[in-house]
Each structure stands twice: as structure tokens, then as C-alpha cells.
Amino acid sequence: AVMAESLAERRRKDEQVRETINMKLSESGEKDRLKEILRTRLVEAGWFEDLKSHCKEVIKNKGLEKITVEQLVDEITPHGRATVPEEIKADLLNRIRTFLQTN
């Protein structure tokens, strides 16, 4: 029981840290700036085009009349996350780290 409590406590602290970071990023306008950089980098990498083709493929396989928007989102989200290029993820993390160190 002690382990479970410390795990729950750790999760709660991690969540608080995430919320604090998110708040700092949002309030400073840095979050919007990072989103814009991310969007540009993903477009340049062809990520949106790839996701669009994946979307069309899923719709073709399931049938347009048989799939809801929620199902489509559930289906493509893991693919979308998995296909973000590693160097873009690393760059974004470095930018967040740098921001946190200087603010």
C-alpha cells in the first residue's frame, strides 16, 4: 500500500509540474509561439500531408457513412503522434527547457 501511495503522490506532483509549466508557457505567450513553430516545422516535414492521406485511407477502409468524427480522431491520433519526426520533438523540448531556464 505504501508503494501505491508514493506512486499516486508522484503522479500528482508530476501533474502539478505540468500545470505550472503550461501556465508559464501560456501566460508568457511562449505557448502560442511554440505552436506556430511546431506547425511550420510539421508542414515543412510533410507531416500534415501524411496525416491527411492516412485519414483518407481510414475513411476508405471503414466507409464514410460508417465512421464518426470521434472514431476518425481516435483512429488517426496515435498515428499522428507516432509520426512526428524525432528531431522536431527534440527541438520543441529544447525550446521549452531553454524557456524554463530563462524565465
C-alpha atoms as a PDB file:
ATOM      1  CA  ALA A   1       0.000   0.000   0.000  1.00  0.00           C
ATOM      2  CA  VAL A   2       2.921   2.326   0.734  1.00  0.00           C
ATOM      3  CA  MET A   3       4.271   1.915  -2.838  1.00  0.00           C
ATOM      4  CA  ALA A   4       0.869   2.703  -4.363  1.00  0.00           C
ATOM      5  CA  GLU A   5       0.605   5.877  -2.274  1.00  0.00           C
ATOM      6  CA  SER A   6       4.046   7.077  -3.300  1.00  0.00           C
ATOM      7  CA  LEU A   7       3.230   6.330  -6.943  1.00  0.00           C
ATOM      8  CA  ALA A   8      -0.037   8.269  -6.667  1.00  0.00           C
ATOM      9  CA  GLU A   9       1.834  11.087  -4.919  1.00  0.00           C
ATOM     10  CA  ARG A  10       4.461  11.117  -7.699  1.00  0.00           C
ATOM     11  CA  ARG A  11       1.748  11.302 -10.350  1.00  0.00           C
ATOM     12  CA  ARG A  12       0.065  14.168  -8.523  1.00  0.00           C
ATOM     13  CA  LYS A  13       3.353  16.091  -8.303  1.00  0.00           C
ATOM     14  CA  ASP A  14       4.123  15.427 -11.982  1.00  0.00           C
ATOM     15  CA  GLU A  15       0.674  16.744 -12.883  1.00  0.00           C
ATOM     16  CA  GLN A  16       1.266  19.891 -10.795  1.00  0.00           C
ATOM     17  CA  VAL A  17       4.617  20.465 -12.515  1.00  0.00           C
ATOM     18  CA  ARG A  18       2.971  20.022 -15.925  1.00  0.00           C
ATOM     19  CA  GLU A  19       0.233  22.510 -14.985  1.00  0.00           C
ATOM     20  CA  THR A  20       2.793  25.058 -13.749  1.00  0.00           C
ATOM     21  CA  ILE A  21       4.880  24.745 -16.924  1.00  0.00           C
ATOM     22  CA  ASN A  22       1.756  25.007 -19.070  1.00  0.00           C
ATOM     23  CA  MET A  23       0.647  28.125 -17.188  1.00  0.00           C
ATOM     24  CA  LYS A  24       4.067  29.795 -17.580  1.00  0.00           C
ATOM     25  CA  LEU A  25       4.125  28.971 -21.285  1.00  0.00           C
ATOM     26  CA  SER A  26       0.565  30.235 -21.800  1.00  0.00           C
ATOM     27  CA  GLU A  27       0.825  33.446 -19.776  1.00  0.00           C
ATOM     28  CA  SER A  28       4.061  34.497 -21.452  1.00  0.00           C
ATOM     29  CA  GLY A  29       2.737  33.918 -24.973  1.00  0.00           C
ATOM     30  CA  GLU A  30       5.521  31.355 -25.462  1.00  0.00           C
ATOM     31  CA  LYS A  31       2.997  28.525 -25.929  1.00  0.00           C
ATOM     32  CA  ASP A  32       1.455  30.223 -28.973  1.00  0.00           C
ATOM     33  CA  ARG A  33       4.906  30.959 -30.380  1.00  0.00           C
ATOM     34  CA  LEU A  34       5.968  27.322 -29.928  1.00  0.00           C
ATOM     35  CA  LYS A  35       2.717  26.078 -31.504  1.00  0.00           C
ATOM     36  CA  GLU A  36       3.401  28.263 -34.535  1.00  0.00           C
ATOM     37  CA  ILE A  37       6.989  26.937 -34.823  1.00  0.00           C
ATOM     38  CA  LEU A  38       5.700  23.365 -34.438  1.00  0.00           C
ATOM     39  CA  ARG A  39       3.020  23.881 -37.099  1.00  0.00           C
ATOM     40  CA  THR A  40       5.571  25.317 -39.548  1.00  0.00           C
ATOM     41  CA  ARG A  41       8.077  22.520 -38.935  1.00  0.00           C
ATOM     42  CA  LEU A  42       5.365  19.845 -39.351  1.00  0.00           C
ATOM     43  CA  VAL A  43       4.202  21.396 -42.642  1.00  0.00           C
ATOM     44  CA  GLU A  44       7.803  21.507 -43.898  1.00  0.00           C
ATOM     45  CA  ALA A  45       8.292  17.861 -42.910  1.00  0.00           C
ATOM     46  CA  GLY A  46       5.183  16.799 -44.853  1.00  0.00           C
ATOM     47  CA  TRP A  47       3.529  15.585 -41.653  1.00  0.00           C
ATOM     48  CA  PHE A  48       0.107  17.140 -42.390  1.00  0.00           C
ATOM     49  CA  GLU A  49       0.066  15.641 -45.893  1.00  0.00           C
ATOM     50  CA  ASP A  50       0.938  12.236 -44.427  1.00  0.00           C
ATOM     51  CA  LEU A  51      -1.826  12.547 -41.839  1.00  0.00           C
ATOM     52  CA  LYS A  52      -4.320  13.646 -44.499  1.00  0.00           C
ATOM     53  CA  SER A  53      -3.518  10.552 -46.612  1.00  0.00           C
ATOM     54  CA  HIS A  54      -3.819   8.361 -43.516  1.00  0.00           C
ATOM     55  CA  CYS A  55      -7.221   9.951 -42.843  1.00  0.00           C
ATOM     56  CA  LYS A  56      -8.419   9.240 -46.379  1.00  0.00           C
ATOM     57  CA  GLU A  57      -7.173   5.650 -46.091  1.00  0.00           C
ATOM     58  CA  VAL A  58      -9.047   5.092 -42.804  1.00  0.00           C
ATOM     59  CA  ILE A  59     -12.249   6.588 -44.261  1.00  0.00           C
ATOM     60  CA  LYS A  60     -11.898   4.446 -47.398  1.00  0.00           C
ATOM     61  CA  ASN A  61     -11.400   1.283 -45.316  1.00  0.00           C
ATOM     62  CA  LYS A  62     -14.207   1.956 -42.833  1.00  0.00           C
ATOM     63  CA  GLY A  63     -16.657   3.627 -45.193  1.00  0.00           C
ATOM     64  CA  LEU A  64     -17.610   7.306 -44.967  1.00  0.00           C
ATOM     65  CA  GLU A  65     -21.145   6.549 -43.767  1.00  0.00           C
ATOM     66  CA  LYS A  66     -19.909   4.142 -41.103  1.00  0.00           C
ATOM     67  CA  ILE A  67     -17.353   6.317 -39.323  1.00  0.00           C
ATOM     68  CA  THR A  68     -17.956   9.210 -36.928  1.00  0.00           C
ATOM     69  CA  VAL A  69     -15.600  12.147 -36.480  1.00  0.00           C
ATOM     70  CA  GLU A  70     -14.778  10.836 -32.972  1.00  0.00           C
ATOM     71  CA  GLN A  71     -13.873   7.407 -34.360  1.00  0.00           C
ATOM     72  CA  LEU A  72     -11.723   9.008 -37.033  1.00  0.00           C
ATOM     73  CA  VAL A  73      -9.898  11.117 -34.445  1.00  0.00           C
ATOM     74  CA  ASP A  74      -9.400   8.044 -32.219  1.00  0.00           C
ATOM     75  CA  GLU A  75      -8.048   6.154 -35.206  1.00  0.00           C
ATOM     76  CA  ILE A  76      -5.615   8.798 -36.528  1.00  0.00           C
ATOM     77  CA  THR A  77      -4.352  10.335 -33.247  1.00  0.00           C
ATOM     78  CA  PRO A  78      -1.903   7.505 -32.406  1.00  0.00           C
ATOM     79  CA  HIS A  79      -0.609   7.593 -35.996  1.00  0.00           C
ATOM     80  CA  GLY A  80      -0.241  11.370 -35.847  1.00  0.00           C
ATOM     81  CA  ARG A  81       1.687  11.270 -32.580  1.00  0.00           C
ATOM     82  CA  ALA A  82       3.869   8.380 -33.693  1.00  0.00           C
ATOM     83  CA  THR A  83       4.871  10.042 -36.950  1.00  0.00           C
ATOM     84  CA  VAL A  84       6.083  13.403 -35.598  1.00  0.00           C
ATOM     85  CA  PRO A  85       9.781  13.394 -36.569  1.00  0.00           C
ATOM     86  CA  GLU A  86      12.112  12.836 -33.589  1.00  0.00           C
ATOM     87  CA  GLU A  87      14.204  15.917 -34.410  1.00  0.00           C
ATOM     88  CA  ILE A  88      11.080  18.105 -34.230  1.00  0.00           C
ATOM     89  CA  LYS A  89      10.135  16.633 -30.836  1.00  0.00           C
ATOM     90  CA  ALA A  90      13.698  17.151 -29.568  1.00  0.00           C
ATOM     91  CA  ASP A  91      13.797  20.729 -30.843  1.00  0.00           C
ATOM     92  CA  LEU A  92      10.491  21.537 -29.138  1.00  0.00           C
ATOM     93  CA  LEU A  93      11.682  20.038 -25.838  1.00  0.00           C
ATOM     94  CA  ASN A  94      14.919  22.049 -26.041  1.00  0.00           C
ATOM     95  CA  ARG A  95      12.965  25.232 -26.687  1.00  0.00           C
ATOM     96  CA  ILE A  96      10.737  24.531 -23.643  1.00  0.00           C
ATOM     97  CA  ARG A  97      13.809  23.756 -21.487  1.00  0.00           C
ATOM     98  CA  THR A  98      15.525  26.962 -22.583  1.00  0.00           C
ATOM     99  CA  PHE A  99      12.376  28.960 -21.865  1.00  0.00           C
ATOM    100  CA  LEU A 100      12.074  27.451 -18.370  1.00  0.00           C
ATOM    101  CA  GLN A 101      15.737  28.118 -17.586  1.00  0.00           C
ATOM    102  CA  THR A 102      15.462  31.771 -18.565  1.00  0.00           C
ATOM    103  CA  ASN A 103      12.043  32.539 -17.005  1.00  0.00           C
END
